[in-house]
Amino acid sequence: MKLTFLVIWGCIISALVRPSQECTQCCGSCTRPKQPSCPSPPGKNEKNLRYFPDKPSHTCTAASSSSCKGKFYTSSKECVQCCRSFL
């Protein structure tokens, strides 16, 4: 009984700890929100751009971050590396 209790308790603790670990690579979203969120093309002096895969051109294109809610890629290189299946 005690061994079963310890195994179950260990599984519960493991399930709680795993999601709390921080993501280190490819943590952004590869899907672009529907318009009017994240408008494209961005303004000329836009600094905080977000990048999304563009299937027809097989590249990642920049979009304005002004109304983007969520975690998206901040560089074209990172977007291409992490969103290969979307290109």
N, C-alpha and C. Protein backbone atom coordinates (compact mmCIF):
# COMPACT_ATOMS: atom_id res chain seq x y z
N MET A 1 0.83 -1.20 0.00
CA MET A 1 0.00 0.00 0.00
C MET A 1 0.86 1.25 0.00
N LYS A 2 1.92 1.24 0.82
CA LYS A 2 2.78 2.41 0.92
C LYS A 2 3.52 2.66 -0.40
N LEU A 3 4.00 1.59 -1.04
CA LEU A 3 4.72 1.73 -2.30
C LEU A 3 3.80 2.29 -3.39
N THR A 4 2.58 1.79 -3.45
CA THR A 4 1.61 2.29 -4.43
C THR A 4 1.33 3.77 -4.19
N PHE A 5 1.17 4.15 -2.96
CA PHE A 5 0.92 5.56 -2.61
C PHE A 5 2.09 6.43 -3.05
N LEU A 6 3.32 5.98 -2.80
CA LEU A 6 4.51 6.75 -3.18
C LEU A 6 4.63 6.89 -4.70
N VAL A 7 4.32 5.84 -5.44
CA VAL A 7 4.38 5.90 -6.90
C VAL A 7 3.34 6.89 -7.43
N ILE A 8 2.13 6.81 -6.92
CA ILE A 8 1.07 7.73 -7.36
C ILE A 8 1.44 9.16 -6.99
N TRP A 9 1.94 9.38 -5.81
CA TRP A 9 2.34 10.73 -5.37
C TRP A 9 3.47 11.27 -6.25
N GLY A 10 4.43 10.41 -6.62
CA GLY A 10 5.53 10.81 -7.50
C GLY A 10 5.02 11.20 -8.88
N CYS A 11 4.05 10.47 -9.40
CA CYS A 11 3.47 10.81 -10.71
C CYS A 11 2.77 12.16 -10.66
N ILE A 12 2.06 12.43 -9.59
CA ILE A 12 1.35 13.70 -9.44
C ILE A 12 2.35 14.85 -9.38
N ILE A 13 3.38 14.72 -8.58
CA ILE A 13 4.40 15.77 -8.46
C ILE A 13 5.09 15.98 -9.80
N SER A 14 5.43 14.92 -10.49
CA SER A 14 6.09 15.02 -11.80
C SER A 14 5.20 15.76 -12.81
N ALA A 15 3.91 15.47 -12.80
CA ALA A 15 2.98 16.13 -13.71
C ALA A 15 2.86 17.62 -13.41
N LEU A 16 3.01 18.00 -12.15
CA LEU A 16 2.92 19.41 -11.79
C LEU A 16 4.20 20.18 -12.09
N VAL A 17 5.34 19.54 -11.97
CA VAL A 17 6.63 20.21 -12.16
C VAL A 17 6.95 20.38 -13.64
N ARG A 18 6.65 19.42 -14.47
CA ARG A 18 7.00 19.46 -15.89
C ARG A 18 6.46 20.70 -16.62
N PRO A 19 5.19 21.07 -16.50
CA PRO A 19 4.71 22.26 -17.22
C PRO A 19 5.32 23.57 -16.72
N SER A 20 5.86 23.58 -15.53
CA SER A 20 6.42 24.82 -15.00
C SER A 20 7.82 25.10 -15.52
N GLN A 21 8.43 24.15 -16.21
CA GLN A 21 9.75 24.38 -16.78
C GLN A 21 9.63 25.28 -18.00
N GLU A 22 10.56 26.23 -18.12
CA GLU A 22 10.51 27.22 -19.19
C GLU A 22 10.93 26.61 -20.52
N CYS A 23 10.25 27.03 -21.56
CA CYS A 23 10.58 26.61 -22.91
C CYS A 23 11.86 27.33 -23.34
N THR A 24 12.77 26.60 -24.00
CA THR A 24 14.04 27.21 -24.37
C THR A 24 14.21 27.40 -25.88
N GLN A 25 13.45 26.68 -26.71
CA GLN A 25 13.65 26.77 -28.15
C GLN A 25 12.34 26.49 -28.87
N CYS A 26 12.08 27.27 -29.90
CA CYS A 26 10.88 27.10 -30.74
C CYS A 26 9.59 27.12 -29.91
N CYS A 27 9.43 28.18 -29.14
CA CYS A 27 8.28 28.29 -28.26
C CYS A 27 7.16 29.16 -28.84
N GLY A 28 7.41 29.79 -29.96
CA GLY A 28 6.42 30.69 -30.56
C GLY A 28 5.40 29.93 -31.38
N SER A 29 4.42 30.66 -31.85
CA SER A 29 3.36 30.09 -32.67
C SER A 29 3.71 30.25 -34.15
N CYS A 30 3.44 29.23 -34.93
CA CYS A 30 3.69 29.29 -36.37
C CYS A 30 2.42 29.63 -37.15
N THR A 31 1.33 29.79 -36.47
CA THR A 31 0.09 30.15 -37.14
C THR A 31 -0.21 31.63 -36.91
N ARG A 32 -0.60 32.30 -37.95
CA ARG A 32 -0.86 33.73 -37.88
C ARG A 32 -2.31 33.97 -37.49
N PRO A 33 -2.53 34.90 -36.55
CA PRO A 33 -3.91 35.23 -36.20
C PRO A 33 -4.63 35.86 -37.40
N LYS A 34 -5.94 35.71 -37.45
CA LYS A 34 -6.71 36.29 -38.55
C LYS A 34 -6.70 37.81 -38.46
N GLN A 35 -6.81 38.46 -39.60
CA GLN A 35 -6.85 39.93 -39.65
C GLN A 35 -8.07 40.40 -38.87
N PRO A 36 -8.05 41.52 -38.21
CA PRO A 36 -7.09 42.61 -38.27
C PRO A 36 -5.93 42.48 -37.30
N SER A 37 -5.79 41.37 -36.59
CA SER A 37 -4.65 41.20 -35.69
C SER A 37 -3.37 41.09 -36.51
N CYS A 38 -2.30 41.62 -35.98
CA CYS A 38 -0.97 41.54 -36.60
C CYS A 38 -1.00 41.99 -38.06
N PRO A 39 -1.33 43.25 -38.31
CA PRO A 39 -1.45 43.71 -39.70
C PRO A 39 -0.12 43.64 -40.45
N SER A 40 -0.25 43.44 -41.74
CA SER A 40 0.91 43.37 -42.61
C SER A 40 0.63 44.25 -43.82
N PRO A 41 1.54 44.97 -44.37
CA PRO A 41 2.93 45.11 -43.96
C PRO A 41 3.07 46.07 -42.78
N PRO A 42 4.15 45.93 -42.04
CA PRO A 42 4.36 46.81 -40.89
C PRO A 42 4.75 48.22 -41.33
N GLY A 43 4.65 49.15 -40.40
CA GLY A 43 5.07 50.52 -40.68
C GLY A 43 6.57 50.60 -40.91
N LYS A 44 7.01 51.68 -41.53
CA LYS A 44 8.43 51.82 -41.88
C LYS A 44 9.34 51.85 -40.65
N ASN A 45 8.90 52.48 -39.58
CA ASN A 45 9.75 52.61 -38.39
C ASN A 45 9.37 51.61 -37.29
N GLU A 46 8.70 50.58 -37.65
CA GLU A 46 8.27 49.56 -36.67
C GLU A 46 9.49 48.83 -36.13
N LYS A 47 9.58 48.70 -34.81
CA LYS A 47 10.75 48.06 -34.20
C LYS A 47 10.45 46.63 -33.74
N ASN A 48 9.33 46.43 -33.10
CA ASN A 48 9.01 45.11 -32.55
C ASN A 48 8.18 44.31 -33.55
N LEU A 49 8.84 43.74 -34.54
CA LEU A 49 8.14 42.97 -35.56
C LEU A 49 7.92 41.54 -35.12
N ARG A 50 6.90 40.92 -35.67
CA ARG A 50 6.63 39.50 -35.45
C ARG A 50 6.67 38.83 -36.82
N TYR A 51 7.18 37.61 -36.87
CA TYR A 51 7.35 36.90 -38.13
C TYR A 51 6.47 35.66 -38.19
N PHE A 52 5.86 35.47 -39.37
CA PHE A 52 4.96 34.34 -39.60
C PHE A 52 5.33 33.67 -40.91
N PRO A 53 5.15 32.35 -41.01
CA PRO A 53 5.44 31.65 -42.26
C PRO A 53 4.48 32.08 -43.37
N ASP A 54 5.02 32.20 -44.57
CA ASP A 54 4.22 32.53 -45.75
C ASP A 54 4.44 31.42 -46.77
N LYS A 55 3.46 30.52 -46.90
CA LYS A 55 3.62 29.34 -47.75
C LYS A 55 3.95 29.65 -49.20
N PRO A 56 3.23 30.58 -49.84
CA PRO A 56 3.53 30.81 -51.26
C PRO A 56 4.97 31.22 -51.53
N SER A 57 5.55 32.02 -50.66
CA SER A 57 6.92 32.49 -50.90
C SER A 57 7.97 31.63 -50.18
N HIS A 58 7.55 30.69 -49.35
CA HIS A 58 8.44 29.81 -48.59
C HIS A 58 9.43 30.59 -47.73
N THR A 59 8.97 31.69 -47.18
CA THR A 59 9.78 32.50 -46.27
C THR A 59 8.90 32.95 -45.11
N CYS A 60 9.52 33.60 -44.16
CA CYS A 60 8.77 34.19 -43.06
C CYS A 60 8.65 35.69 -43.32
N THR A 61 7.45 36.21 -43.21
CA THR A 61 7.22 37.62 -43.48
C THR A 61 6.95 38.37 -42.18
N ALA A 62 7.31 39.64 -42.18
CA ALA A 62 7.15 40.48 -41.00
C ALA A 62 5.73 41.02 -40.92
N ALA A 63 5.28 41.22 -39.70
CA ALA A 63 3.98 41.82 -39.44
C ALA A 63 4.12 42.75 -38.25
N SER A 64 3.22 43.70 -38.16
CA SER A 64 3.25 44.65 -37.05
C SER A 64 2.88 43.93 -35.76
N SER A 65 3.56 44.30 -34.68
CA SER A 65 3.29 43.66 -33.40
C SER A 65 2.31 44.47 -32.55
N SER A 66 1.80 45.55 -33.11
CA SER A 66 0.97 46.46 -32.31
C SER A 66 -0.26 45.78 -31.71
N SER A 67 -0.87 44.87 -32.44
CA SER A 67 -2.06 44.21 -31.90
C SER A 67 -1.93 42.69 -31.86
N CYS A 68 -0.70 42.20 -31.93
CA CYS A 68 -0.47 40.75 -31.84
C CYS A 68 -0.50 40.32 -30.38
N LYS A 69 -1.40 39.42 -30.07
CA LYS A 69 -1.46 38.88 -28.72
C LYS A 69 -0.99 37.44 -28.78
N GLY A 70 -0.02 37.11 -27.96
CA GLY A 70 0.51 35.76 -27.95
C GLY A 70 2.01 35.76 -28.11
N LYS A 71 2.61 34.58 -28.17
CA LYS A 71 4.06 34.45 -28.31
C LYS A 71 4.37 34.09 -29.76
N PHE A 72 5.06 35.01 -30.43
CA PHE A 72 5.43 34.81 -31.82
C PHE A 72 6.92 35.05 -31.99
N TYR A 73 7.46 34.70 -33.14
CA TYR A 73 8.89 34.81 -33.37
C TYR A 73 9.28 36.25 -33.70
N THR A 74 10.42 36.66 -33.15
CA THR A 74 10.88 38.04 -33.31
C THR A 74 11.97 38.19 -34.36
N SER A 75 12.39 37.09 -34.98
CA SER A 75 13.36 37.19 -36.07
C SER A 75 12.96 36.22 -37.19
N SER A 76 13.29 36.61 -38.40
CA SER A 76 12.97 35.78 -39.56
C SER A 76 13.72 34.45 -39.50
N LYS A 77 14.96 34.49 -39.05
CA LYS A 77 15.78 33.28 -38.96
C LYS A 77 15.16 32.26 -38.01
N GLU A 78 14.72 32.73 -36.86
CA GLU A 78 14.09 31.84 -35.87
C GLU A 78 12.79 31.27 -36.41
N CYS A 79 12.03 32.08 -37.11
CA CYS A 79 10.76 31.63 -37.70
C CYS A 79 11.01 30.53 -38.72
N VAL A 80 11.98 30.72 -39.60
CA VAL A 80 12.30 29.72 -40.63
C VAL A 80 12.77 28.43 -39.97
N GLN A 81 13.59 28.54 -38.94
CA GLN A 81 14.13 27.36 -38.27
C GLN A 81 13.03 26.57 -37.56
N CYS A 82 12.11 27.27 -36.91
CA CYS A 82 11.11 26.60 -36.08
C CYS A 82 9.82 26.23 -36.82
N CYS A 83 9.56 26.86 -37.94
CA CYS A 83 8.29 26.64 -38.64
C CYS A 83 8.49 25.97 -39.99
N ARG A 84 9.43 25.05 -40.09
CA ARG A 84 9.74 24.39 -41.37
C ARG A 84 8.53 23.70 -41.97
N SER A 85 7.73 23.07 -41.15
CA SER A 85 6.58 22.32 -41.69
C SER A 85 5.48 23.24 -42.21
N PHE A 86 5.55 24.53 -41.89
CA PHE A 86 4.55 25.49 -42.35
C PHE A 86 4.99 26.20 -43.63
N LEU A 87 6.22 25.99 -44.06
CA LEU A 87 6.74 26.67 -45.25
C LEU A 87 6.68 25.79 -46.47
